[in-house]
PDB file of N, CA and C in Angstrom:
ATOM      1  N   UNK A   1     117.746 102.633 117.136  1.00  0.00           N
ATOM      2  CA  UNK A   1     116.640 103.038 116.283  1.00  0.00           C
ATOM      3  C   UNK A   1     115.913 101.793 115.757  1.00  0.00           C
ATOM      4  N   UNK A   2     114.661 102.005 115.395  1.00  0.00           N
ATOM      5  CA  UNK A   2     113.831 100.966 114.806  1.00  0.00           C
ATOM      6  C   UNK A   2     113.647 101.315 113.331  1.00  0.00           C
ATOM      7  N   UNK A   3     113.937 100.374 112.463  1.00  0.00           N
ATOM      8  CA  UNK A   3     113.747 100.596 111.028  1.00  0.00           C
ATOM      9  C   UNK A   3     112.329 100.174 110.665  1.00  0.00           C
ATOM     10  N   UNK A   4     111.584 101.083 110.052  1.00  0.00           N
ATOM     11  CA  UNK A   4     110.208 100.798 109.661  1.00  0.00           C
ATOM     12  C   UNK A   4     110.127 100.868 108.148  1.00  0.00           C
ATOM     13  N   UNK A   5     109.647  99.787 107.539  1.00  0.00           N
ATOM     14  CA  UNK A   5     109.563  99.692 106.083  1.00  0.00           C
ATOM     15  C   UNK A   5     108.101  99.713 105.649  1.00  0.00           C
ATOM     16  N   UNK A   6     107.825 100.485 104.613  1.00  0.00           N
ATOM     17  CA  UNK A   6     106.471 100.603 104.062  1.00  0.00           C
ATOM     18  C   UNK A   6     106.415  99.879 102.719  1.00  0.00           C
ATOM     19  N   UNK A   7     105.302  99.226 102.460  1.00  0.00           N
ATOM     20  CA  UNK A   7     105.118  98.516 101.208  1.00  0.00           C
ATOM     21  C   UNK A   7     103.824  98.955 100.531  1.00  0.00           C
ATOM     22  N   UNK A   8     103.808  98.849  99.212  1.00  0.00           N
ATOM     23  CA  UNK A   8     102.629  99.063  98.363  1.00  0.00           C
ATOM     24  C   UNK A   8     101.940 100.395  98.684  1.00  0.00           C
ATOM     25  N   UNK A   9     100.650 100.359  99.018  1.00  0.00           N
ATOM     26  CA  UNK A   9      99.860 101.581  99.228  1.00  0.00           C
ATOM     27  C   UNK A   9     100.400 102.434 100.369  1.00  0.00           C
ATOM     28  N   UNK A  10     101.007 101.822 101.378  1.00  0.00           N
ATOM     29  CA  UNK A  10     101.586 102.616 102.471  1.00  0.00           C
ATOM     30  C   UNK A  10     102.807 103.393 101.991  1.00  0.00           C
ATOM     31  N   UNK A  11     103.605 102.766 101.161  1.00  0.00           N
ATOM     32  CA  UNK A  11     104.758 103.466 100.579  1.00  0.00           C
ATOM     33  C   UNK A  11     104.270 104.645  99.732  1.00  0.00           C
ATOM     34  N   UNK A  12     103.217 104.415  98.950  1.00  0.00           N
ATOM     35  CA  UNK A  12     102.659 105.486  98.125  1.00  0.00           C
ATOM     36  C   UNK A  12     102.117 106.625  98.983  1.00  0.00           C
ATOM     37  N   UNK A  13     101.386 106.292 100.043  1.00  0.00           N
ATOM     38  CA  UNK A  13     100.798 107.311 100.914  1.00  0.00           C
ATOM     39  C   UNK A  13     101.859 108.112 101.664  1.00  0.00           C
ATOM     40  N   UNK A  14     102.945 107.441 102.049  1.00  0.00           N
ATOM     41  CA  UNK A  14     104.014 108.109 102.799  1.00  0.00           C
ATOM     42  C   UNK A  14     104.968 108.867 101.885  1.00  0.00           C
ATOM     43  N   UNK A  15     105.069 108.442 100.643  1.00  0.00           N
ATOM     44  CA  UNK A  15     106.023 109.065  99.729  1.00  0.00           C
ATOM     45  C   UNK A  15     107.454 108.637  99.981  1.00  0.00           C
ATOM     46  N   UNK A  16     107.627 107.544 100.723  1.00  0.00           N
ATOM     47  CA  UNK A  16     108.954 107.018 101.035  1.00  0.00           C
ATOM     48  C   UNK A  16     108.820 105.526 101.325  1.00  0.00           C
ATOM     49  N   UNK A  17     109.922 104.821 101.249  1.00  0.00           N
ATOM     50  CA  UNK A  17     109.878 103.380 101.507  1.00  0.00           C
ATOM     51  C   UNK A  17     110.117 103.025 102.971  1.00  0.00           C
ATOM     52  N   UNK A  18     110.430 104.028 103.798  1.00  0.00           N
ATOM     53  CA  UNK A  18     110.622 103.727 105.206  1.00  0.00           C
ATOM     54  C   UNK A  18     111.222 104.873 105.989  1.00  0.00           C
ATOM     55  N   UNK A  19     111.248 104.684 107.295  1.00  0.00           N
ATOM     56  CA  UNK A  19     111.802 105.671 108.220  1.00  0.00           C
ATOM     57  C   UNK A  19     112.458 104.940 109.386  1.00  0.00           C
ATOM     58  N   UNK A  20     113.141 105.685 110.216  1.00  0.00           N
ATOM     59  CA  UNK A  20     113.667 105.158 111.475  1.00  0.00           C
ATOM     60  C   UNK A  20     113.101 105.976 112.622  1.00  0.00           C
ATOM     61  N   UNK A  21     112.708 105.281 113.682  1.00  0.00           N
ATOM     62  CA  UNK A  21     112.161 105.919 114.879  1.00  0.00           C
ATOM     63  C   UNK A  21     112.840 105.333 116.110  1.00  0.00           C
ATOM     64  N   UNK A  22     112.808 106.060 117.215  1.00  0.00           N
ATOM     65  CA  UNK A  22     113.334 105.499 118.467  1.00  0.00           C
ATOM     66  C   UNK A  22     112.469 104.319 118.925  1.00  0.00           C
ATOM     67  N   UNK A  23     113.041 103.379 119.666  1.00  0.00           N
ATOM     68  CA  UNK A  23     112.261 102.247 120.172  1.00  0.00           C
ATOM     69  C   UNK A  23     111.118 102.720 121.061  1.00  0.00           C
ATOM     70  N   UNK A  24     110.098 101.892 121.169  1.00  0.00           N
ATOM     71  CA  UNK A  24     108.944 102.191 122.017  1.00  0.00           C
ATOM     72  C   UNK A  24     107.895 101.131 121.814  1.00  0.00           C
ATOM     73  N   UNK A  25     106.708 101.371 122.342  1.00  0.00           N
ATOM     74  CA  UNK A  25     105.637 100.399 122.145  1.00  0.00           C
ATOM     75  C   UNK A  25     105.165 100.457 120.700  1.00  0.00           C
ATOM     76  N   UNK A  26     104.622  99.359 120.237  1.00  0.00           N
ATOM     77  CA  UNK A  26     104.131  99.305 118.869  1.00  0.00           C
ATOM     78  C   UNK A  26     103.056 100.360 118.649  1.00  0.00           C
ATOM     79  N   UNK A  27     102.176 100.535 119.615  1.00  0.00           N
ATOM     80  CA  UNK A  27     101.131 101.551 119.510  1.00  0.00           C
ATOM     81  C   UNK A  27     101.700 102.955 119.365  1.00  0.00           C
ATOM     82  N   UNK A  28     102.732 103.276 120.144  1.00  0.00           N
ATOM     83  CA  UNK A  28     103.365 104.595 120.036  1.00  0.00           C
ATOM     84  C   UNK A  28     103.988 104.805 118.665  1.00  0.00           C
ATOM     85  N   UNK A  29     104.667 103.777 118.167  1.00  0.00           N
ATOM     86  CA  UNK A  29     105.299 103.897 116.856  1.00  0.00           C
ATOM     87  C   UNK A  29     104.257 104.116 115.765  1.00  0.00           C
ATOM     88  N   UNK A  30     103.177 103.337 115.793  1.00  0.00           N
ATOM     89  CA  UNK A  30     102.142 103.475 114.770  1.00  0.00           C
ATOM     90  C   UNK A  30     101.433 104.827 114.869  1.00  0.00           C
ATOM     91  N   UNK A  31     101.210 105.318 116.086  1.00  0.00           N
ATOM     92  CA  UNK A  31     100.609 106.651 116.253  1.00  0.00           C
ATOM     93  C   UNK A  31     101.515 107.738 115.676  1.00  0.00           C
ATOM     94  N   UNK A  32     102.814 107.609 115.900  1.00  0.00           N
ATOM     95  CA  UNK A  32     103.764 108.575 115.348  1.00  0.00           C
ATOM     96  C   UNK A  32     103.700 108.584 113.823  1.00  0.00           C
ATOM     97  N   UNK A  33     103.599 107.401 113.230  1.00  0.00           N
ATOM     98  CA  UNK A  33     103.513 107.310 111.771  1.00  0.00           C
ATOM     99  C   UNK A  33     102.219 107.927 111.250  1.00  0.00           C
ATOM    100  N   UNK A  34     101.097 107.657 111.925  1.00  0.00           N
ATOM    101  CA  UNK A  34      99.818 108.258 111.517  1.00  0.00           C
ATOM    102  C   UNK A  34      99.904 109.786 111.568  1.00  0.00           C
ATOM    103  N   UNK A  35     100.478 110.298 112.641  1.00  0.00           N
ATOM    104  CA  UNK A  35     100.617 111.752 112.789  1.00  0.00           C
ATOM    105  C   UNK A  35     101.542 112.340 111.722  1.00  0.00           C
ATOM    106  N   UNK A  36     102.584 111.604 111.368  1.00  0.00           N
ATOM    107  CA  UNK A  36     103.573 112.108 110.414  1.00  0.00           C
ATOM    108  C   UNK A  36     103.097 112.076 108.969  1.00  0.00           C
ATOM    109  N   UNK A  37     102.326 111.047 108.613  1.00  0.00           N
ATOM    110  CA  UNK A  37     102.006 110.835 107.203  1.00  0.00           C
ATOM    111  C   UNK A  37     100.548 111.072 106.829  1.00  0.00           C
ATOM    112  N   UNK A  38      99.705 111.412 107.785  1.00  0.00           N
ATOM    113  CA  UNK A  38      98.365 111.875 107.458  1.00  0.00           C
ATOM    114  C   UNK A  38      97.280 110.823 107.357  1.00  0.00           C
ATOM    115  N   UNK A  39      96.058 111.309 107.029  1.00  0.00           N
ATOM    116  CA  UNK A  39      94.874 110.458 107.086  1.00  0.00           C
ATOM    117  C   UNK A  39      94.875 109.289 106.097  1.00  0.00           C
ATOM    118  N   UNK A  40      95.339 109.490 104.887  1.00  0.00           N
ATOM    119  CA  UNK A  40      95.352 108.378 103.924  1.00  0.00           C
ATOM    120  C   UNK A  40      96.258 107.254 104.416  1.00  0.00           C
ATOM    121  N   UNK A  41      97.429 107.610 104.924  1.00  0.00           N
ATOM    122  CA  UNK A  41      98.348 106.620 105.483  1.00  0.00           C
ATOM    123  C   UNK A  41      97.674 105.881 106.641  1.00  0.00           C
ATOM    124  N   UNK A  42      97.039 106.645 107.540  1.00  0.00           N
ATOM    125  CA  UNK A  42      96.363 106.051 108.694  1.00  0.00           C
ATOM    126  C   UNK A  42      95.250 105.105 108.294  1.00  0.00           C
ATOM    127  N   UNK A  43      94.527 105.459 107.233  1.00  0.00           N
ATOM    128  CA  UNK A  43      93.438 104.601 106.753  1.00  0.00           C
ATOM    129  C   UNK A  43      93.986 103.257 106.269  1.00  0.00           C
ATOM    130  N   UNK A  44      95.015 103.294 105.447  1.00  0.00           N
ATOM    131  CA  UNK A  44      95.602 102.056 104.927  1.00  0.00           C
ATOM    132  C   UNK A  44      96.249 101.258 106.059  1.00  0.00           C
ATOM    133  N   UNK A  45      96.893 101.941 106.987  1.00  0.00           N
ATOM    134  CA  UNK A  45      97.522 101.269 108.119  1.00  0.00           C
ATOM    135  C   UNK A  45      96.498 100.482 108.927  1.00  0.00           C
ATOM    136  N   UNK A  46      95.263 100.986 108.979  1.00  0.00           N
ATOM    137  CA  UNK A  46      94.207 100.333 109.751  1.00  0.00           C
ATOM    138  C   UNK A  46      93.881  98.920 109.300  1.00  0.00           C
ATOM    139  N   UNK A  47      94.151  98.585 108.056  1.00  0.00           N
ATOM    140  CA  UNK A  47      93.878  97.221 107.584  1.00  0.00           C
ATOM    141  C   UNK A  47      95.152  96.510 107.097  1.00  0.00           C
ATOM    142  N   UNK A  48      96.283  96.985 107.553  1.00  0.00           N
ATOM    143  CA  UNK A  48      97.565  96.395 107.158  1.00  0.00           C
ATOM    144  C   UNK A  48      98.068  95.415 108.212  1.00  0.00           C
ATOM    145  N   UNK A  49      98.935  94.510 107.783  1.00  0.00           N
ATOM    146  CA  UNK A  49      99.622  93.604 108.699  1.00  0.00           C
ATOM    147  C   UNK A  49     100.890  94.286 109.208  1.00  0.00           C
ATOM    148  N   UNK A  50     101.202  94.019 110.469  1.00  0.00           N
ATOM    149  CA  UNK A  50     102.399  94.580 111.094  1.00  0.00           C
ATOM    150  C   UNK A  50     103.293  93.415 111.507  1.00  0.00           C
ATOM    151  N   UNK A  51     104.506  93.412 110.977  1.00  0.00           N
ATOM    152  CA  UNK A  51     105.479  92.388 111.342  1.00  0.00           C
ATOM    153  C   UNK A  51     106.665  93.050 112.027  1.00  0.00           C
ATOM    154  N   UNK A  52     107.065  92.480 113.155  1.00  0.00           N
ATOM    155  CA  UNK A  52     108.253  92.938 113.867  1.00  0.00           C
ATOM    156  C   UNK A  52     109.261  91.807 113.801  1.00  0.00           C
ATOM    157  N   UNK A  53     110.371  92.061 113.138  1.00  0.00           N
ATOM    158  CA  UNK A  53     111.394  91.030 112.924  1.00  0.00           C
ATOM    159  C   UNK A  53     110.758  89.743 112.392  1.00  0.00           C
ATOM    160  N   UNK A  54     109.930  89.886 111.380  1.00  0.00           N
ATOM    161  CA  UNK A  54     109.235  88.832 110.617  1.00  0.00           C
ATOM    162  C   UNK A  54     108.104  88.132 111.361  1.00  0.00           C
ATOM    163  N   UNK A  55     107.768  88.552 112.577  1.00  0.00           N
ATOM    164  CA  UNK A  55     106.656  87.952 113.313  1.00  0.00           C
ATOM    165  C   UNK A  55     105.499  88.936 113.387  1.00  0.00           C
ATOM    166  N   UNK A  56     104.304  88.457 113.031  1.00  0.00           N
ATOM    167  CA  UNK A  56     103.122  89.310 113.047  1.00  0.00           C
ATOM    168  C   UNK A  56     102.814  89.738 114.485  1.00  0.00           C
ATOM    169  N   UNK A  57     102.547  91.021 114.652  1.00  0.00           N
ATOM    170  CA  UNK A  57     102.236  91.591 115.973  1.00  0.00           C
ATOM    171  C   UNK A  57     101.023  92.496 115.846  1.00  0.00           C
ATOM    172  N   UNK A  58     100.133  92.443 116.845  1.00  0.00           N
ATOM    173  CA  UNK A  58      98.990  93.349 116.844  1.00  0.00           C
ATOM    174  C   UNK A  58      98.695  93.933 118.220  1.00  0.00           C
ATOM    175  N   UNK A  59      99.535  93.620 119.194  1.00  0.00           N
ATOM    176  CA  UNK A  59      99.374  94.150 120.547  1.00  0.00           C
ATOM    177  C   UNK A  59     100.058  95.508 120.634  1.00  0.00           C
ATOM    178  N   UNK A  60      99.258  96.595 120.819  1.00  0.00           N
ATOM    179  CA  UNK A  60      99.869  97.928 120.862  1.00  0.00           C
ATOM    180  C   UNK A  60     100.874  98.110 121.994  1.00  0.00           C
ATOM    181  N   UNK A  61     100.802  97.282 123.036  1.00  0.00           N
ATOM    182  CA  UNK A  61     101.740  97.432 124.149  1.00  0.00           C
ATOM    183  C   UNK A  61     103.053  96.674 123.915  1.00  0.00           C
ATOM    184  N   UNK A  62     103.133  95.905 122.820  1.00  0.00           N
ATOM    185  CA  UNK A  62     104.366  95.168 122.520  1.00  0.00           C
ATOM    186  C   UNK A  62     105.520  96.157 122.402  1.00  0.00           C
ATOM    187  N   UNK A  63     106.611  95.882 123.108  1.00  0.00           N
ATOM    188  CA  UNK A  63     107.774  96.774 123.094  1.00  0.00           C
ATOM    189  C   UNK A  63     108.706  96.415 121.940  1.00  0.00           C
ATOM    190  N   UNK A  64     108.902  97.370 121.047  1.00  0.00           N
ATOM    191  CA  UNK A  64     109.778  97.184 119.897  1.00  0.00           C
ATOM    192  C   UNK A  64     111.173  97.657 120.311  1.00  0.00           C
ATOM    193  N   UNK A  65     112.100  96.744 120.272  1.00  0.00           N
ATOM    194  CA  UNK A  65     113.448  97.010 120.785  1.00  0.00           C
ATOM    195  C   UNK A  65     114.313  97.763 119.768  1.00  0.00           C
ATOM    196  N   UNK A  66     115.352  98.355 120.270  1.00  0.00           N
ATOM    197  CA  UNK A  66     116.346  99.020 119.432  1.00  0.00           C
ATOM    198  C   UNK A  66     116.936  98.002 118.460  1.00  0.00           C
ATOM    199  N   UNK A  67     117.045  98.360 117.198  1.00  0.00           N
ATOM    200  CA  UNK A  67     117.603  97.477 116.190  1.00  0.00           C
ATOM    201  C   UNK A  67     116.580  96.607 115.477  1.00  0.00           C
ATOM    202  N   UNK A  68     115.336  96.657 115.914  1.00  0.00           N
ATOM    203  CA  UNK A  68     114.288  95.841 115.284  1.00  0.00           C
ATOM    204  C   UNK A  68     113.901  96.416 113.924  1.00  0.00           C
ATOM    205  N   UNK A  69     113.278  95.566 113.112  1.00  0.00           N
ATOM    206  CA  UNK A  69     112.726  96.010 111.845  1.00  0.00           C
ATOM    207  C   UNK A  69     111.222  95.744 111.858  1.00  0.00           C
ATOM    208  N   UNK A  70     110.458  96.771 111.531  1.00  0.00           N
ATOM    209  CA  UNK A  70     109.003  96.674 111.444  1.00  0.00           C
ATOM    210  C   UNK A  70     108.631  96.789 109.970  1.00  0.00           C
ATOM    211  N   UNK A  71     107.861  95.826 109.481  1.00  0.00           N
ATOM    212  CA  UNK A  71     107.373  95.857 108.101  1.00  0.00           C
ATOM    213  C   UNK A  71     105.863  96.069 108.143  1.00  0.00           C
ATOM    214  N   UNK A  72     105.384  97.044 107.402  1.00  0.00           N
ATOM    215  CA  UNK A  72     103.961  97.355 107.330  1.00  0.00           C
ATOM    216  C   UNK A  72     103.453  96.957 105.950  1.00  0.00           C
ATOM    217  N   UNK A  73     102.539  95.972 105.918  1.00  0.00           N
ATOM    218  CA  UNK A  73     102.123  95.345 104.680  1.00  0.00           C
ATOM    219  C   UNK A  73     100.622  95.445 104.471  1.00  0.00           C
ATOM    220  N   UNK A  74     100.185  96.321 103.574  1.00  0.00           N
ATOM    221  CA  UNK A  74      98.771  96.341 103.237  1.00  0.00           C
ATOM    222  C   UNK A  74      98.432  95.086 102.423  1.00  0.00           C
ATOM    223  N   UNK A  75      97.151  94.743 102.325  1.00  0.00           N
ATOM    224  CA  UNK A  75      96.789  93.599 101.480  1.00  0.00           C
ATOM    225  C   UNK A  75      97.238  93.837 100.048  1.00  0.00           C
ATOM    226  N   UNK A  76      97.727  92.799  99.428  1.00  0.00           N
ATOM    227  CA  UNK A  76      98.181  92.885  98.039  1.00  0.00           C
ATOM    228  C   UNK A  76      97.129  92.277  97.131  1.00  0.00           C
ATOM    229  N   UNK A  77      97.056  92.760  95.918  1.00  0.00           N
ATOM    230  CA  UNK A  77      96.194  92.142  94.910  1.00  0.00           C
ATOM    231  C   UNK A  77      96.955  92.078  93.604  1.00  0.00           C
ATOM    232  N   UNK A  78      96.420  91.327  92.715  1.00  0.00           N
ATOM    233  CA  UNK A  78      97.076  91.215  91.407  1.00  0.00           C
ATOM    234  C   UNK A  78      97.695  89.857  91.237  1.00  0.00           C
ATOM    235  N   UNK A  79      98.633  89.790  90.351  1.00  0.00           N
ATOM    236  CA  UNK A  79      99.275  88.509  90.057  1.00  0.00           C
ATOM    237  C   UNK A  79      98.873  88.058  88.668  1.00  0.00           C
ATOM    238  N   UNK A  80      99.175  86.857  88.379  1.00  0.00           N
ATOM    239  CA  UNK A  80      98.790  86.419  87.054  1.00  0.00           C
ATOM    240  C   UNK A  80      99.376  85.182  86.708  1.00  0.00           C
TER     241      UNK A  80
END
């Protein structure tokens, strides 16, 4: 399985901090998430960074292996 972690607005849109999915291409995994969590999630995902095992990935054909961790990070704001 692939562990997928959601942060900030994606976590809020999904109502959970993450899920597990079977391995596959990055595009397939992201499409499954859009279908599962709806339009607001899909909108935020469109401008989020995708990291696979801490490396940024944007090629939908990239194969995410069993045991990998995918982190989905929308832009953050704030601080002080």
